[in-house]
Structure formats: structure tokens, C-alpha cells
Amino acid sequence: MNVLKILIKGALIAVGLGAHTMMDTQPVTTKPTHAPSQTINELEAKMIALDTSKGGLVTKTQTIEVHGNKKYEISIAHQDTEYNVDIDASTGQILKFDQGSKVCNIHN
């Protein structure tokens, strides 16, 4: 019985070593990593704009592309202030941030 145990252990060790050797001799192939262009979507642009204005309600969103450069123009109303935020669609960087008083027209 001991001989059978020794043979089984030896076979398992040999198979394990053989598999390990096969794994180590396999050629390593790696694809060059080209980072895809990081672009943000309209929802992400709105979140950036809302974070910049410290909250509010998005009243208008436009996507503008000029000479291959895409940006989001976002208008936000927050309390008595109107914010206009331009965000670069490829980087998420804030290109412009304007704020002004909202004008309320009340008709009698």
C-alpha cells in the first residue's frame, strides 16, 4: 500500500512540475496599450458643471464642435444666480465659468 501512495505522490509531483514548466515556456505576448481618447459624456459634463456651481438646476445644455474640438455649454439656475459653464468634452476641463444675477420678468 505504501508503494502505491509513493507512486501516486510522485506522479502528482511530476505532473505539477510538468505543467509549471509548460506555463513558463509559453511565449508572452502583449498588445501595445494605446490609451483610448478619454472623452466625457453629457451627463458627466452636467455633473462637473453642477459641482462647479455648488448645485442648482440645469436649464440648457448644448454640444458645440468647432474645428474638431467638442465642448459642452451648460446653463444652470441656482437661487438668484445664473451660471454658464463650458466644459471640454475630451478632458472634462472647465473652459469658461460665468455667473450673473437672474432676471425675473413679472407681468401684471
N, C-alpha and C. Protein backbone atom coordinates (compact mmCIF):
# COMPACT_ATOMS: atom_id res chain seq x y z
N MET A 1 0.82 -1.19 0.00
CA MET A 1 0.00 0.00 0.00
C MET A 1 0.87 1.26 0.00
N ASN A 2 1.98 1.23 0.76
CA ASN A 2 2.88 2.38 0.82
C ASN A 2 3.50 2.67 -0.54
N VAL A 3 3.79 1.61 -1.28
CA VAL A 3 4.37 1.77 -2.61
C VAL A 3 3.39 2.50 -3.52
N LEU A 4 2.10 2.17 -3.43
CA LEU A 4 1.08 2.82 -4.25
C LEU A 4 0.96 4.30 -3.91
N LYS A 5 1.01 4.64 -2.61
CA LYS A 5 0.96 6.04 -2.19
C LYS A 5 2.15 6.81 -2.73
N ILE A 6 3.31 6.20 -2.66
CA ILE A 6 4.54 6.86 -3.13
C ILE A 6 4.45 7.08 -4.64
N LEU A 7 3.94 6.11 -5.37
CA LEU A 7 3.81 6.25 -6.82
C LEU A 7 2.81 7.36 -7.19
N ILE A 8 1.69 7.41 -6.47
CA ILE A 8 0.68 8.45 -6.75
C ILE A 8 1.24 9.83 -6.44
N LYS A 9 1.92 9.98 -5.30
CA LYS A 9 2.53 11.27 -4.94
C LYS A 9 3.57 11.67 -5.99
N GLY A 10 4.37 10.72 -6.41
CA GLY A 10 5.40 11.00 -7.41
C GLY A 10 4.78 11.45 -8.73
N ALA A 11 3.69 10.78 -9.11
CA ALA A 11 3.00 11.14 -10.36
C ALA A 11 2.41 12.54 -10.26
N LEU A 12 1.80 12.86 -9.14
CA LEU A 12 1.22 14.19 -8.96
C LEU A 12 2.30 15.27 -8.98
N ILE A 13 3.41 14.99 -8.34
CA ILE A 13 4.51 15.97 -8.34
C ILE A 13 5.05 16.15 -9.75
N ALA A 14 5.23 15.07 -10.47
CA ALA A 14 5.77 15.14 -11.83
C ALA A 14 4.82 15.90 -12.75
N VAL A 15 3.53 15.62 -12.63
CA VAL A 15 2.55 16.33 -13.46
C VAL A 15 2.54 17.81 -13.11
N GLY A 16 2.59 18.11 -11.81
CA GLY A 16 2.61 19.51 -11.38
C GLY A 16 3.82 20.24 -11.89
N LEU A 17 4.98 19.63 -11.82
CA LEU A 17 6.21 20.25 -12.33
C LEU A 17 6.16 20.40 -13.83
N GLY A 18 5.61 19.41 -14.50
CA GLY A 18 5.50 19.48 -15.96
C GLY A 18 4.58 20.61 -16.39
N ALA A 19 3.46 20.76 -15.71
CA ALA A 19 2.53 21.84 -16.04
C ALA A 19 3.17 23.19 -15.77
N HIS A 20 3.90 23.29 -14.68
CA HIS A 20 4.58 24.54 -14.35
C HIS A 20 5.63 24.88 -15.41
N THR A 21 6.35 23.87 -15.86
CA THR A 21 7.36 24.09 -16.90
C THR A 21 6.70 24.52 -18.20
N MET A 22 5.56 23.90 -18.54
CA MET A 22 4.85 24.30 -19.76
C MET A 22 4.39 25.75 -19.67
N MET A 23 3.92 26.13 -18.51
CA MET A 23 3.44 27.50 -18.34
C MET A 23 4.60 28.49 -18.50
N ASP A 24 5.76 28.15 -17.95
CA ASP A 24 6.90 29.06 -18.00
C ASP A 24 7.50 29.17 -19.39
N THR A 25 7.30 28.17 -20.25
CA THR A 25 7.91 28.22 -21.57
C THR A 25 7.00 28.83 -22.62
N GLN A 26 5.77 29.15 -22.25
CA GLN A 26 4.85 29.77 -23.20
C GLN A 26 5.32 31.19 -23.50
N PRO A 27 5.33 31.57 -24.78
CA PRO A 27 5.75 32.93 -25.10
C PRO A 27 4.77 33.95 -24.53
N VAL A 28 5.32 35.03 -24.06
CA VAL A 28 4.49 36.10 -23.51
C VAL A 28 4.19 37.07 -24.63
N THR A 29 2.92 37.22 -24.92
CA THR A 29 2.53 38.17 -25.96
C THR A 29 1.72 39.27 -25.31
N THR A 30 2.12 40.46 -25.57
CA THR A 30 1.37 41.60 -25.05
C THR A 30 1.06 42.52 -26.20
N LYS A 31 -0.13 43.03 -26.15
CA LYS A 31 -0.53 44.00 -27.16
C LYS A 31 -0.09 45.38 -26.69
N PRO A 32 0.35 46.21 -27.62
CA PRO A 32 0.70 47.56 -27.19
C PRO A 32 -0.55 48.25 -26.64
N THR A 33 -0.36 48.94 -25.55
CA THR A 33 -1.51 49.61 -24.95
C THR A 33 -1.56 51.04 -25.44
N HIS A 34 -2.58 51.30 -26.19
CA HIS A 34 -2.83 52.66 -26.65
C HIS A 34 -4.05 53.14 -25.87
N ALA A 35 -3.84 54.11 -25.03
CA ALA A 35 -4.95 54.61 -24.24
C ALA A 35 -5.97 55.26 -25.17
N PRO A 36 -7.22 54.82 -25.09
CA PRO A 36 -8.23 55.45 -25.93
C PRO A 36 -8.44 56.89 -25.50
N SER A 37 -8.87 57.70 -26.44
CA SER A 37 -9.07 59.09 -26.08
C SER A 37 -10.16 59.16 -25.03
N GLN A 38 -9.86 59.83 -23.96
CA GLN A 38 -10.78 59.95 -22.85
C GLN A 38 -11.75 61.08 -23.15
N THR A 39 -12.98 60.74 -23.35
CA THR A 39 -13.99 61.76 -23.55
C THR A 39 -15.05 61.61 -22.48
N ILE A 40 -15.71 62.71 -22.16
CA ILE A 40 -16.79 62.65 -21.19
C ILE A 40 -18.11 62.79 -21.93
N ASN A 41 -19.15 62.23 -21.36
CA ASN A 41 -20.46 62.36 -21.99
C ASN A 41 -21.21 63.55 -21.39
N GLU A 42 -22.40 63.80 -21.90
CA GLU A 42 -23.16 64.97 -21.49
C GLU A 42 -23.52 64.92 -20.00
N LEU A 43 -23.86 63.75 -19.51
CA LEU A 43 -24.21 63.62 -18.09
C LEU A 43 -23.02 63.96 -17.19
N GLU A 44 -21.83 63.47 -17.57
CA GLU A 44 -20.63 63.79 -16.79
C GLU A 44 -20.33 65.29 -16.83
N ALA A 45 -20.55 65.91 -17.99
CA ALA A 45 -20.34 67.35 -18.10
C ALA A 45 -21.30 68.11 -17.20
N LYS A 46 -22.55 67.67 -17.14
CA LYS A 46 -23.53 68.31 -16.25
C LYS A 46 -23.11 68.18 -14.80
N MET A 47 -22.61 67.01 -14.42
CA MET A 47 -22.17 66.80 -13.04
C MET A 47 -21.00 67.73 -12.69
N ILE A 48 -20.07 67.90 -13.62
CA ILE A 48 -18.94 68.81 -13.40
C ILE A 48 -19.45 70.24 -13.23
N ALA A 49 -20.38 70.64 -14.11
CA ALA A 49 -20.94 71.99 -14.05
C ALA A 49 -21.70 72.22 -12.74
N LEU A 50 -22.51 71.25 -12.34
CA LEU A 50 -23.26 71.38 -11.08
C LEU A 50 -22.33 71.42 -9.88
N ASP A 51 -21.26 70.68 -9.93
CA ASP A 51 -20.28 70.73 -8.84
C ASP A 51 -19.62 72.10 -8.78
N THR A 52 -19.34 72.68 -9.94
CA THR A 52 -18.71 74.00 -10.01
C THR A 52 -19.63 75.09 -9.48
N SER A 53 -20.93 74.98 -9.78
CA SER A 53 -21.89 76.00 -9.34
C SER A 53 -22.43 75.71 -7.94
N LYS A 54 -21.98 74.65 -7.32
CA LYS A 54 -22.44 74.23 -5.99
C LYS A 54 -23.93 73.90 -6.00
N GLY A 55 -24.40 73.23 -7.07
CA GLY A 55 -25.78 72.79 -7.16
C GLY A 55 -26.59 73.66 -8.10
N GLY A 56 -27.88 73.41 -8.15
CA GLY A 56 -28.77 74.17 -9.00
C GLY A 56 -29.54 73.28 -9.94
N LEU A 57 -30.17 73.92 -10.92
CA LEU A 57 -30.99 73.24 -11.92
C LEU A 57 -30.42 73.52 -13.30
N VAL A 58 -30.10 72.48 -14.06
CA VAL A 58 -29.59 72.66 -15.42
C VAL A 58 -30.76 73.12 -16.28
N THR A 59 -30.62 74.30 -16.88
CA THR A 59 -31.71 74.86 -17.70
C THR A 59 -31.46 74.71 -19.18
N LYS A 60 -30.20 74.49 -19.58
CA LYS A 60 -29.88 74.38 -21.01
C LYS A 60 -28.54 73.66 -21.16
N THR A 61 -28.49 72.79 -22.16
CA THR A 61 -27.23 72.11 -22.48
C THR A 61 -27.08 72.08 -24.00
N GLN A 62 -25.91 72.48 -24.46
CA GLN A 62 -25.61 72.42 -25.90
C GLN A 62 -24.26 71.74 -26.09
N THR A 63 -24.18 70.97 -27.16
CA THR A 63 -22.90 70.39 -27.56
C THR A 63 -22.43 71.14 -28.78
N ILE A 64 -21.24 71.70 -28.69
CA ILE A 64 -20.67 72.51 -29.77
C ILE A 64 -19.38 71.85 -30.23
N GLU A 65 -19.20 71.76 -31.55
CA GLU A 65 -17.95 71.25 -32.09
C GLU A 65 -17.40 72.26 -33.08
N VAL A 66 -16.20 72.74 -32.80
CA VAL A 66 -15.54 73.72 -33.66
C VAL A 66 -14.14 73.20 -33.98
N HIS A 67 -13.84 73.04 -35.26
CA HIS A 67 -12.52 72.57 -35.72
C HIS A 67 -12.13 71.26 -35.04
N GLY A 68 -13.08 70.37 -34.88
CA GLY A 68 -12.79 69.07 -34.29
C GLY A 68 -12.73 69.06 -32.77
N ASN A 69 -12.87 70.22 -32.14
CA ASN A 69 -12.85 70.30 -30.68
C ASN A 69 -14.29 70.39 -30.17
N LYS A 70 -14.67 69.42 -29.36
CA LYS A 70 -16.05 69.36 -28.87
C LYS A 70 -16.10 69.89 -27.44
N LYS A 71 -17.16 70.68 -27.16
CA LYS A 71 -17.35 71.17 -25.80
C LYS A 71 -18.83 71.19 -25.47
N TYR A 72 -19.12 71.21 -24.19
CA TYR A 72 -20.48 71.32 -23.70
C TYR A 72 -20.68 72.71 -23.11
N GLU A 73 -21.76 73.37 -23.50
CA GLU A 73 -22.14 74.65 -22.91
C GLU A 73 -23.36 74.38 -22.04
N ILE A 74 -23.22 74.62 -20.75
CA ILE A 74 -24.26 74.27 -19.80
C ILE A 74 -24.68 75.51 -19.02
N SER A 75 -26.00 75.74 -18.95
CA SER A 75 -26.56 76.84 -18.16
C SER A 75 -27.25 76.25 -16.93
N ILE A 76 -27.02 76.90 -15.79
CA ILE A 76 -27.57 76.42 -14.52
C ILE A 76 -28.20 77.59 -13.78
N ALA A 77 -29.37 77.36 -13.22
CA ALA A 77 -30.02 78.34 -12.35
C ALA A 77 -29.89 77.83 -10.92
N HIS A 78 -29.38 78.69 -10.04
CA HIS A 78 -29.22 78.31 -8.64
C HIS A 78 -29.54 79.53 -7.78
N GLN A 79 -30.65 79.46 -7.06
CA GLN A 79 -31.17 80.55 -6.25
C GLN A 79 -31.35 81.78 -7.14
N ASP A 80 -30.69 82.88 -6.89
CA ASP A 80 -30.85 84.09 -7.70
C ASP A 80 -29.72 84.27 -8.70
N THR A 81 -29.01 83.19 -9.02
CA THR A 81 -27.83 83.31 -9.88
C THR A 81 -27.95 82.38 -11.08
N GLU A 82 -27.51 82.88 -12.23
CA GLU A 82 -27.44 82.09 -13.46
C GLU A 82 -25.97 81.80 -13.74
N TYR A 83 -25.62 80.53 -13.97
CA TYR A 83 -24.25 80.13 -14.26
C TYR A 83 -24.17 79.62 -15.69
N ASN A 84 -23.08 79.95 -16.37
CA ASN A 84 -22.79 79.40 -17.69
C ASN A 84 -21.41 78.75 -17.61
N VAL A 85 -21.38 77.46 -17.91
CA VAL A 85 -20.15 76.69 -17.78
C VAL A 85 -19.87 76.00 -19.10
N ASP A 86 -18.66 76.20 -19.62
CA ASP A 86 -18.21 75.50 -20.83
C ASP A 86 -17.20 74.44 -20.39
N ILE A 87 -17.40 73.21 -20.86
CA ILE A 87 -16.55 72.10 -20.46
C ILE A 87 -16.01 71.40 -21.69
N ASP A 88 -14.70 71.17 -21.72
CA ASP A 88 -14.04 70.45 -22.80
C ASP A 88 -14.49 68.99 -22.75
N ALA A 89 -15.03 68.49 -23.86
CA ALA A 89 -15.56 67.13 -23.90
C ALA A 89 -14.47 66.07 -23.89
N SER A 90 -13.26 66.41 -24.28
CA SER A 90 -12.21 65.40 -24.32
C SER A 90 -11.46 65.29 -23.00
N THR A 91 -11.47 66.34 -22.19
CA THR A 91 -10.71 66.30 -20.93
C THR A 91 -11.56 66.49 -19.69
N GLY A 92 -12.73 67.10 -19.83
CA GLY A 92 -13.56 67.43 -18.67
C GLY A 92 -13.13 68.71 -18.00
N GLN A 93 -12.18 69.41 -18.61
CA GLN A 93 -11.66 70.66 -18.03
C GLN A 93 -12.68 71.78 -18.24
N ILE A 94 -12.80 72.64 -17.24
CA ILE A 94 -13.69 73.79 -17.35
C ILE A 94 -12.99 74.86 -18.19
N LEU A 95 -13.61 75.22 -19.29
CA LEU A 95 -13.05 76.21 -20.20
C LEU A 95 -13.51 77.62 -19.84
N LYS A 96 -14.76 77.73 -19.35
CA LYS A 96 -15.32 79.04 -19.02
C LYS A 96 -16.32 78.87 -17.89
N PHE A 97 -16.32 79.83 -16.97
CA PHE A 97 -17.28 79.82 -15.87
C PHE A 97 -17.73 81.26 -15.63
N ASP A 98 -18.98 81.54 -15.98
CA ASP A 98 -19.56 82.88 -15.79
C ASP A 98 -20.75 82.76 -14.85
N GLN A 99 -20.94 83.79 -14.05
CA GLN A 99 -22.13 83.83 -13.22
C GLN A 99 -22.69 85.24 -13.21
N GLY A 100 -24.01 85.32 -13.12
CA GLY A 100 -24.68 86.61 -13.09
C GLY A 100 -26.03 86.49 -12.42
N SER A 101 -26.64 87.61 -12.15
CA SER A 101 -27.96 87.61 -11.50
C SER A 101 -29.02 87.19 -12.49
N LYS A 102 -29.98 86.41 -12.00
CA LYS A 102 -31.12 86.04 -12.84
C LYS A 102 -32.06 87.23 -12.92
N VAL A 103 -32.66 87.42 -14.07
CA VAL A 103 -33.63 88.48 -14.26
C VAL A 103 -35.01 87.85 -14.26
N CYS A 104 -35.87 88.32 -13.39
CA CYS A 104 -37.25 87.80 -13.34
C CYS A 104 -38.17 88.83 -13.95
N ASN A 105 -38.92 88.42 -14.94
CA ASN A 105 -39.91 89.30 -15.56
C ASN A 105 -41.28 88.95 -14.99
N ILE A 106 -41.85 89.90 -14.28
CA ILE A 106 -43.17 89.68 -13.71
C ILE A 106 -44.13 90.61 -14.42
N HIS A 107 -45.13 90.02 -15.05
CA HIS A 107 -46.11 90.79 -15.78
C HIS A 107 -47.39 90.88 -14.97
N ASN A 108 -47.96 92.10 -14.88
CA ASN A 108 -49.21 92.28 -14.15
C ASN A 108 -50.39 92.12 -15.05
